[in-house]
Amino acid sequence: MAIEKKLLIFDLGGVVIDLHVERTFGAFVAMGVDASMLTETQCLMNRMILDYDRGDVATDDFFSYIESQLPPYVRELPSDELRERVADIWNMMLGDFSVEKIQRIKALKEEGYRVVLLSNTNEAHWDVIERRMLRAAGCHINELFDALYLSYRMNMRKPEPEIFLELLRNEGVDATDAFFFDDSEANCDIARTLGIESMCLERNAAWPLF
């Protein structure tokens, strides 16, 4: 499939790097977090996760909140040990980069496309992502993409229309000149309402030809 666009916009988790949210949620439940705190959309923990991705909550405050939801016997652990365990579990959802997908992005750039990243992510995840990218490809992630648009730095997140509009303004392109790849139909739907052609990819799956 030939894409006649100037700008290609890629999501990260579930698209370029594998994403396994169930690992993190399962591990928190095993530590004693009430499962409903992770499954009910409007509960405080899920709102905290959204706000953390938006950069409205500091990493220390976010992890402190998670720790407050753990049973008393877990909170009795030394503070440094508890924080390390919580951080490790939070990052457990991040899988590996696909070398094949990295090579495809490089090829798209060589074909003349401008390729940018638009990701709902957060400070703790981003530190791990940068290290794994270097390990997988021998280069920094800002060398792979022409620009990085990260929710926690922009103080907005998908599927909020504003994050797409800000990206387009910054890139200086019309919506009709962009193509968006994501593993969330909700994100793709919003992009389409703004005039951005979109493809919803299966999470963690190999890419179709494009």
C-alpha atoms as a PDB file:
ATOM      1  CA  MET A   1       0.000   0.000   0.000  1.00  0.00           C
ATOM      2  CA  ALA A   2       1.568   3.280  -1.082  1.00  0.00           C
ATOM      3  CA  ILE A   3       0.912   6.158   1.302  1.00  0.00           C
ATOM      4  CA  GLU A   4       0.756   9.484  -0.496  1.00  0.00           C
ATOM      5  CA  LYS A   5       1.308  11.647   2.563  1.00  0.00           C
ATOM      6  CA  LYS A   6       4.074  13.923   3.776  1.00  0.00           C
ATOM      7  CA  LEU A   7       3.898  12.992   7.447  1.00  0.00           C
ATOM      8  CA  LEU A   8       3.620   9.569   9.110  1.00  0.00           C
ATOM      9  CA  ILE A   9       2.602   9.558  12.784  1.00  0.00           C
ATOM     10  CA  PHE A  10       3.287   6.423  14.829  1.00  0.00           C
ATOM     11  CA  ASP A  11       2.046   5.435  18.256  1.00  0.00           C
ATOM     12  CA  LEU A  12       4.638   3.675  20.411  1.00  0.00           C
ATOM     13  CA  GLY A  13       3.207   1.151  22.908  1.00  0.00           C
ATOM     14  CA  GLY A  14       1.626  -1.814  21.150  1.00  0.00           C
ATOM     15  CA  VAL A  15       2.810  -0.522  17.775  1.00  0.00           C
ATOM     16  CA  VAL A  16       6.606  -0.112  17.829  1.00  0.00           C
ATOM     17  CA  ILE A  17       7.330  -1.551  21.274  1.00  0.00           C
ATOM     18  CA  ASP A  18       5.271  -4.439  22.660  1.00  0.00           C
ATOM     19  CA  LEU A  19       2.878  -3.504  25.451  1.00  0.00           C
ATOM     20  CA  HIS A  20       1.549  -5.882  28.123  1.00  0.00           C
ATOM     21  CA  VAL A  21      -0.629  -3.867  30.505  1.00  0.00           C
ATOM     22  CA  GLU A  22      -1.999  -7.059  32.033  1.00  0.00           C
ATOM     23  CA  ARG A  23       1.443  -7.881  33.475  1.00  0.00           C
ATOM     24  CA  THR A  24       1.497  -4.715  35.539  1.00  0.00           C
ATOM     25  CA  PHE A  25      -2.126  -4.943  36.658  1.00  0.00           C
ATOM     26  CA  GLY A  26      -1.725  -8.615  37.571  1.00  0.00           C
ATOM     27  CA  ALA A  27       1.402  -7.925  39.615  1.00  0.00           C
ATOM     28  CA  PHE A  28      -0.266  -5.054  41.507  1.00  0.00           C
ATOM     29  CA  VAL A  29      -3.244  -7.277  42.329  1.00  0.00           C
ATOM     30  CA  ALA A  30      -0.810  -9.961  43.528  1.00  0.00           C
ATOM     31  CA  MET A  31       0.715  -7.353  45.854  1.00  0.00           C
ATOM     32  CA  GLY A  32      -2.729  -6.652  47.297  1.00  0.00           C
ATOM     33  CA  VAL A  33      -4.132  -3.767  45.241  1.00  0.00           C
ATOM     34  CA  ASP A  34      -7.920  -4.028  44.928  1.00  0.00           C
ATOM     35  CA  ALA A  35      -8.574  -5.279  41.383  1.00  0.00           C
ATOM     36  CA  SER A  36     -11.461  -2.832  41.002  1.00  0.00           C
ATOM     37  CA  MET A  37      -8.953   0.018  41.343  1.00  0.00           C
ATOM     38  CA  LEU A  38      -7.460  -1.083  38.036  1.00  0.00           C
ATOM     39  CA  THR A  39     -10.568  -2.055  36.107  1.00  0.00           C
ATOM     40  CA  GLU A  40     -13.111   0.672  36.917  1.00  0.00           C
ATOM     41  CA  THR A  41     -12.520   3.486  34.426  1.00  0.00           C
ATOM     42  CA  GLN A  42     -13.589   6.305  36.741  1.00  0.00           C
ATOM     43  CA  CYS A  43     -11.777   5.131  39.862  1.00  0.00           C
ATOM     44  CA  LEU A  44      -9.064   7.329  41.364  1.00  0.00           C
ATOM     45  CA  MET A  45      -6.140   5.102  40.375  1.00  0.00           C
ATOM     46  CA  ASN A  46      -7.127   5.108  36.727  1.00  0.00           C
ATOM     47  CA  ARG A  47      -7.597   8.875  36.841  1.00  0.00           C
ATOM     48  CA  MET A  48      -4.134   9.120  38.414  1.00  0.00           C
ATOM     49  CA  ILE A  49      -2.697   7.040  35.557  1.00  0.00           C
ATOM     50  CA  LEU A  50      -4.287   9.344  32.985  1.00  0.00           C
ATOM     51  CA  ASP A  51      -3.037  12.424  34.818  1.00  0.00           C
ATOM     52  CA  TYR A  52       0.454  10.920  35.105  1.00  0.00           C
ATOM     53  CA  ASP A  53       0.524  10.305  31.349  1.00  0.00           C
ATOM     54  CA  ARG A  54      -0.579  13.909  30.854  1.00  0.00           C
ATOM     55  CA  GLY A  55       2.274  15.155  33.021  1.00  0.00           C
ATOM     56  CA  ASP A  56      -0.099  16.603  35.600  1.00  0.00           C
ATOM     57  CA  VAL A  57       1.191  14.321  38.379  1.00  0.00           C
ATOM     58  CA  ALA A  58       4.858  14.011  39.374  1.00  0.00           C
ATOM     59  CA  THR A  59       6.481  10.568  39.332  1.00  0.00           C
ATOM     60  CA  ASP A  60       7.114  10.609  43.076  1.00  0.00           C
ATOM     61  CA  ASP A  61       3.480  11.500  43.793  1.00  0.00           C
ATOM     62  CA  PHE A  62       2.227   8.831  41.403  1.00  0.00           C
ATOM     63  CA  PHE A  63       4.278   6.050  42.974  1.00  0.00           C
ATOM     64  CA  SER A  64       3.415   7.297  46.477  1.00  0.00           C
ATOM     65  CA  TYR A  65      -0.268   6.987  45.608  1.00  0.00           C
ATOM     66  CA  ILE A  66       0.163   3.410  44.380  1.00  0.00           C
ATOM     67  CA  GLU A  67       2.062   2.551  47.549  1.00  0.00           C
ATOM     68  CA  SER A  68      -0.817   3.963  49.610  1.00  0.00           C
ATOM     69  CA  GLN A  69      -3.156   1.414  47.987  1.00  0.00           C
ATOM     70  CA  LEU A  70      -1.050  -1.550  49.100  1.00  0.00           C
ATOM     71  CA  PRO A  71      -1.846  -3.596  52.230  1.00  0.00           C
ATOM     72  CA  PRO A  72      -0.180  -2.426  55.480  1.00  0.00           C
ATOM     73  CA  TYR A  73       2.169  -5.431  55.615  1.00  0.00           C
ATOM     74  CA  VAL A  74       3.566  -4.502  52.191  1.00  0.00           C
ATOM     75  CA  ARG A  75       3.960  -0.843  53.154  1.00  0.00           C
ATOM     76  CA  GLU A  76       6.145  -1.981  56.072  1.00  0.00           C
ATOM     77  CA  LEU A  77       8.950  -2.758  53.622  1.00  0.00           C
ATOM     78  CA  PRO A  78      11.898  -0.324  53.660  1.00  0.00           C
ATOM     79  CA  SER A  79      10.875   2.715  51.626  1.00  0.00           C
ATOM     80  CA  ASP A  80      13.626   2.309  49.023  1.00  0.00           C
ATOM     81  CA  GLU A  81      12.789  -1.356  48.497  1.00  0.00           C
ATOM     82  CA  LEU A  82       9.070  -0.646  48.242  1.00  0.00           C
ATOM     83  CA  ARG A  83       9.614   2.143  45.710  1.00  0.00           C
ATOM     84  CA  GLU A  84      11.874  -0.086  43.601  1.00  0.00           C
ATOM     85  CA  ARG A  85       9.296  -2.876  43.573  1.00  0.00           C
ATOM     86  CA  VAL A  86       6.466  -0.527  42.611  1.00  0.00           C
ATOM     87  CA  ALA A  87       8.547   1.069  39.847  1.00  0.00           C
ATOM     88  CA  ASP A  88       9.577  -2.334  38.497  1.00  0.00           C
ATOM     89  CA  ILE A  89       5.945  -3.463  38.365  1.00  0.00           C
ATOM     90  CA  TRP A  90       4.856  -0.233  36.682  1.00  0.00           C
ATOM     91  CA  ASN A  91       7.468  -0.772  33.973  1.00  0.00           C
ATOM     92  CA  MET A  92       6.641  -4.466  33.625  1.00  0.00           C
ATOM     93  CA  MET A  93       4.053  -3.631  30.972  1.00  0.00           C
ATOM     94  CA  LEU A  94       6.794  -2.508  28.567  1.00  0.00           C
ATOM     95  CA  GLY A  95       7.967  -5.270  26.250  1.00  0.00           C
ATOM     96  CA  ASP A  96      10.659  -5.247  23.605  1.00  0.00           C
ATOM     97  CA  PHE A  97      11.202  -3.211  20.490  1.00  0.00           C
ATOM     98  CA  SER A  98      10.748  -4.996  17.184  1.00  0.00           C
ATOM     99  CA  VAL A  99      13.957  -4.755  15.178  1.00  0.00           C
ATOM    100  CA  GLU A 100      11.911  -5.405  12.026  1.00  0.00           C
ATOM    101  CA  LYS A 101       9.660  -2.430  12.776  1.00  0.00           C
ATOM    102  CA  ILE A 102      12.649  -0.229  13.550  1.00  0.00           C
ATOM    103  CA  GLN A 103      14.150  -1.127  10.182  1.00  0.00           C
ATOM    104  CA  ARG A 104      10.828  -0.358   8.484  1.00  0.00           C
ATOM    105  CA  ILE A 105      10.726   3.108  10.050  1.00  0.00           C
ATOM    106  CA  LYS A 106      14.273   3.751   8.856  1.00  0.00           C
ATOM    107  CA  ALA A 107      13.259   2.634   5.353  1.00  0.00           C
ATOM    108  CA  LEU A 108      10.239   4.952   5.361  1.00  0.00           C
ATOM    109  CA  LYS A 109      12.496   7.872   6.226  1.00  0.00           C
ATOM    110  CA  GLU A 110      14.853   6.920   3.419  1.00  0.00           C
ATOM    111  CA  GLU A 111      11.858   6.917   1.080  1.00  0.00           C
ATOM    112  CA  GLY A 112      11.338  10.580   1.931  1.00  0.00           C
ATOM    113  CA  TYR A 113       8.618  10.489   4.572  1.00  0.00           C
ATOM    114  CA  ARG A 114       8.827  12.566   7.710  1.00  0.00           C
ATOM    115  CA  VAL A 115       8.197  10.096  10.541  1.00  0.00           C
ATOM    116  CA  VAL A 116       7.196  11.247  14.020  1.00  0.00           C
ATOM    117  CA  LEU A 117       6.155   9.589  17.271  1.00  0.00           C
ATOM    118  CA  LEU A 118       2.933  10.442  19.140  1.00  0.00           C
ATOM    119  CA  SER A 119       2.771   8.537  22.404  1.00  0.00           C
ATOM    120  CA  ASN A 120       0.762   8.511  25.613  1.00  0.00           C
ATOM    121  CA  THR A 121       3.633   7.869  27.985  1.00  0.00           C
ATOM    122  CA  ASN A 122       5.136   9.054  31.245  1.00  0.00           C
ATOM    123  CA  GLU A 123       8.453   9.883  32.832  1.00  0.00           C
ATOM    124  CA  ALA A 124       9.092   6.471  34.406  1.00  0.00           C
ATOM    125  CA  HIS A 125       8.243   4.574  31.231  1.00  0.00           C
ATOM    126  CA  TRP A 126      10.254   6.903  29.041  1.00  0.00           C
ATOM    127  CA  ASP A 127      13.475   6.246  30.947  1.00  0.00           C
ATOM    128  CA  VAL A 128      13.063   2.504  30.306  1.00  0.00           C
ATOM    129  CA  ILE A 129      12.008   3.026  26.690  1.00  0.00           C
ATOM    130  CA  GLU A 130      15.143   4.996  25.899  1.00  0.00           C
ATOM    131  CA  ARG A 131      17.392   2.286  27.352  1.00  0.00           C
ATOM    132  CA  ARG A 132      15.588  -0.519  25.508  1.00  0.00           C
ATOM    133  CA  MET A 133      15.726   1.357  22.223  1.00  0.00           C
ATOM    134  CA  LEU A 134      19.476   1.767  22.554  1.00  0.00           C
ATOM    135  CA  ARG A 135      19.833  -1.924  23.351  1.00  0.00           C
ATOM    136  CA  ALA A 136      17.608  -3.055  20.470  1.00  0.00           C
ATOM    137  CA  ALA A 137      18.856  -0.784  17.707  1.00  0.00           C
ATOM    138  CA  GLY A 138      22.107   0.752  18.889  1.00  0.00           C
ATOM    139  CA  CYS A 139      20.647   4.223  18.484  1.00  0.00           C
ATOM    140  CA  HIS A 140      18.621   6.678  20.524  1.00  0.00           C
ATOM    141  CA  ILE A 141      14.896   6.897  19.889  1.00  0.00           C
ATOM    142  CA  ASN A 142      15.186  10.553  18.894  1.00  0.00           C
ATOM    143  CA  GLU A 143      17.510   9.383  16.106  1.00  0.00           C
ATOM    144  CA  LEU A 144      14.878   6.968  14.798  1.00  0.00           C
ATOM    145  CA  PHE A 145      12.054   9.525  14.634  1.00  0.00           C
ATOM    146  CA  ASP A 146      12.197  13.004  13.158  1.00  0.00           C
ATOM    147  CA  ALA A 147      10.294  14.354  16.177  1.00  0.00           C
ATOM    148  CA  LEU A 148       8.894  13.058  19.462  1.00  0.00           C
ATOM    149  CA  TYR A 149       5.459  14.125  20.702  1.00  0.00           C
ATOM    150  CA  LEU A 150       5.039  12.746  24.226  1.00  0.00           C
ATOM    151  CA  SER A 151       1.911  13.215  26.289  1.00  0.00           C
ATOM    152  CA  TYR A 152       3.649  13.891  29.591  1.00  0.00           C
ATOM    153  CA  ARG A 153       5.751  16.649  28.030  1.00  0.00           C
ATOM    154  CA  MET A 154       2.842  18.192  26.119  1.00  0.00           C
ATOM    155  CA  ASN A 155       0.371  18.086  29.053  1.00  0.00           C
ATOM    156  CA  MET A 156      -2.251  16.494  26.815  1.00  0.00           C
ATOM    157  CA  ARG A 157      -2.933  12.954  25.688  1.00  0.00           C
ATOM    158  CA  LYS A 158      -4.721  10.913  23.071  1.00  0.00           C
ATOM    159  CA  PRO A 159      -7.605  10.796  22.264  1.00  0.00           C
ATOM    160  CA  GLU A 160      -7.863  14.497  23.128  1.00  0.00           C
ATOM    161  CA  PRO A 161      -8.109  16.343  19.790  1.00  0.00           C
ATOM    162  CA  GLU A 162      -5.758  19.059  21.044  1.00  0.00           C
ATOM    163  CA  ILE A 163      -2.715  16.790  20.980  1.00  0.00           C
ATOM    164  CA  PHE A 164      -3.251  16.005  17.292  1.00  0.00           C
ATOM    165  CA  LEU A 165      -3.859  19.660  16.462  1.00  0.00           C
ATOM    166  CA  GLU A 166      -0.722  20.731  18.330  1.00  0.00           C
ATOM    167  CA  LEU A 167       1.331  18.144  16.428  1.00  0.00           C
ATOM    168  CA  LEU A 168      -0.022  19.362  13.088  1.00  0.00           C
ATOM    169  CA  ARG A 169       0.655  22.989  14.008  1.00  0.00           C
ATOM    170  CA  ASN A 170       4.193  22.171  15.041  1.00  0.00           C
ATOM    171  CA  GLU A 171       4.825  20.164  11.882  1.00  0.00           C
ATOM    172  CA  GLY A 172       3.283  22.830   9.675  1.00  0.00           C
ATOM    173  CA  VAL A 173       1.157  20.370   7.704  1.00  0.00           C
ATOM    174  CA  ASP A 174      -2.538  20.012   6.996  1.00  0.00           C
ATOM    175  CA  ALA A 175      -4.403  17.045   8.444  1.00  0.00           C
ATOM    176  CA  THR A 176      -4.890  15.682   4.929  1.00  0.00           C
ATOM    177  CA  ASP A 177      -1.106  15.449   4.530  1.00  0.00           C
ATOM    178  CA  ALA A 178      -0.716  13.143   7.559  1.00  0.00           C
ATOM    179  CA  PHE A 179      -1.267   9.425   8.192  1.00  0.00           C
ATOM    180  CA  PHE A 180      -1.652   8.016  11.711  1.00  0.00           C
ATOM    181  CA  PHE A 181      -0.891   4.497  12.994  1.00  0.00           C
ATOM    182  CA  ASP A 182      -2.199   3.426  16.422  1.00  0.00           C
ATOM    183  CA  ASP A 183      -3.508   0.325  18.182  1.00  0.00           C
ATOM    184  CA  SER A 184      -6.492   2.169  19.682  1.00  0.00           C
ATOM    185  CA  GLU A 185      -9.636   2.565  17.630  1.00  0.00           C
ATOM    186  CA  ALA A 186     -10.674   5.480  19.855  1.00  0.00           C
ATOM    187  CA  ASN A 187      -7.464   7.330  19.018  1.00  0.00           C
ATOM    188  CA  CYS A 188      -7.856   6.583  15.317  1.00  0.00           C
ATOM    189  CA  ASP A 189     -11.485   7.718  15.351  1.00  0.00           C
ATOM    190  CA  ILE A 190     -10.556  11.108  16.802  1.00  0.00           C
ATOM    191  CA  ALA A 191      -7.745  11.510  14.295  1.00  0.00           C
ATOM    192  CA  ARG A 192     -10.169  10.756  11.458  1.00  0.00           C
ATOM    193  CA  THR A 193     -12.640  13.374  12.690  1.00  0.00           C
ATOM    194  CA  LEU A 194      -9.801  15.896  12.325  1.00  0.00           C
ATOM    195  CA  GLY A 195      -9.105  14.785   8.765  1.00  0.00           C
ATOM    196  CA  ILE A 196      -6.092  12.575   9.498  1.00  0.00           C
ATOM    197  CA  GLU A 197      -6.237   9.271   7.637  1.00  0.00           C
ATOM    198  CA  SER A 198      -5.608   6.477  10.144  1.00  0.00           C
ATOM    199  CA  MET A 199      -4.912   2.772  10.411  1.00  0.00           C
ATOM    200  CA  CYS A 200      -5.743   0.840  13.590  1.00  0.00           C
ATOM    201  CA  LEU A 201      -3.127  -1.871  14.019  1.00  0.00           C
ATOM    202  CA  GLU A 202      -3.476  -5.012  16.096  1.00  0.00           C
ATOM    203  CA  ARG A 203      -1.604  -4.578  19.366  1.00  0.00           C
ATOM    204  CA  ASN A 204       1.882  -6.128  19.328  1.00  0.00           C
ATOM    205  CA  ALA A 205       1.259  -7.742  15.925  1.00  0.00           C
ATOM    206  CA  ALA A 206       3.439  -7.594  12.836  1.00  0.00           C
ATOM    207  CA  TRP A 207       2.626  -4.699  10.556  1.00  0.00           C
ATOM    208  CA  PRO A 208       0.746  -5.181   7.297  1.00  0.00           C
ATOM    209  CA  LEU A 209       2.448  -3.935   4.176  1.00  0.00           C
ATOM    210  CA  PHE A 210       2.434  -0.173   3.826  1.00  0.00           C
END
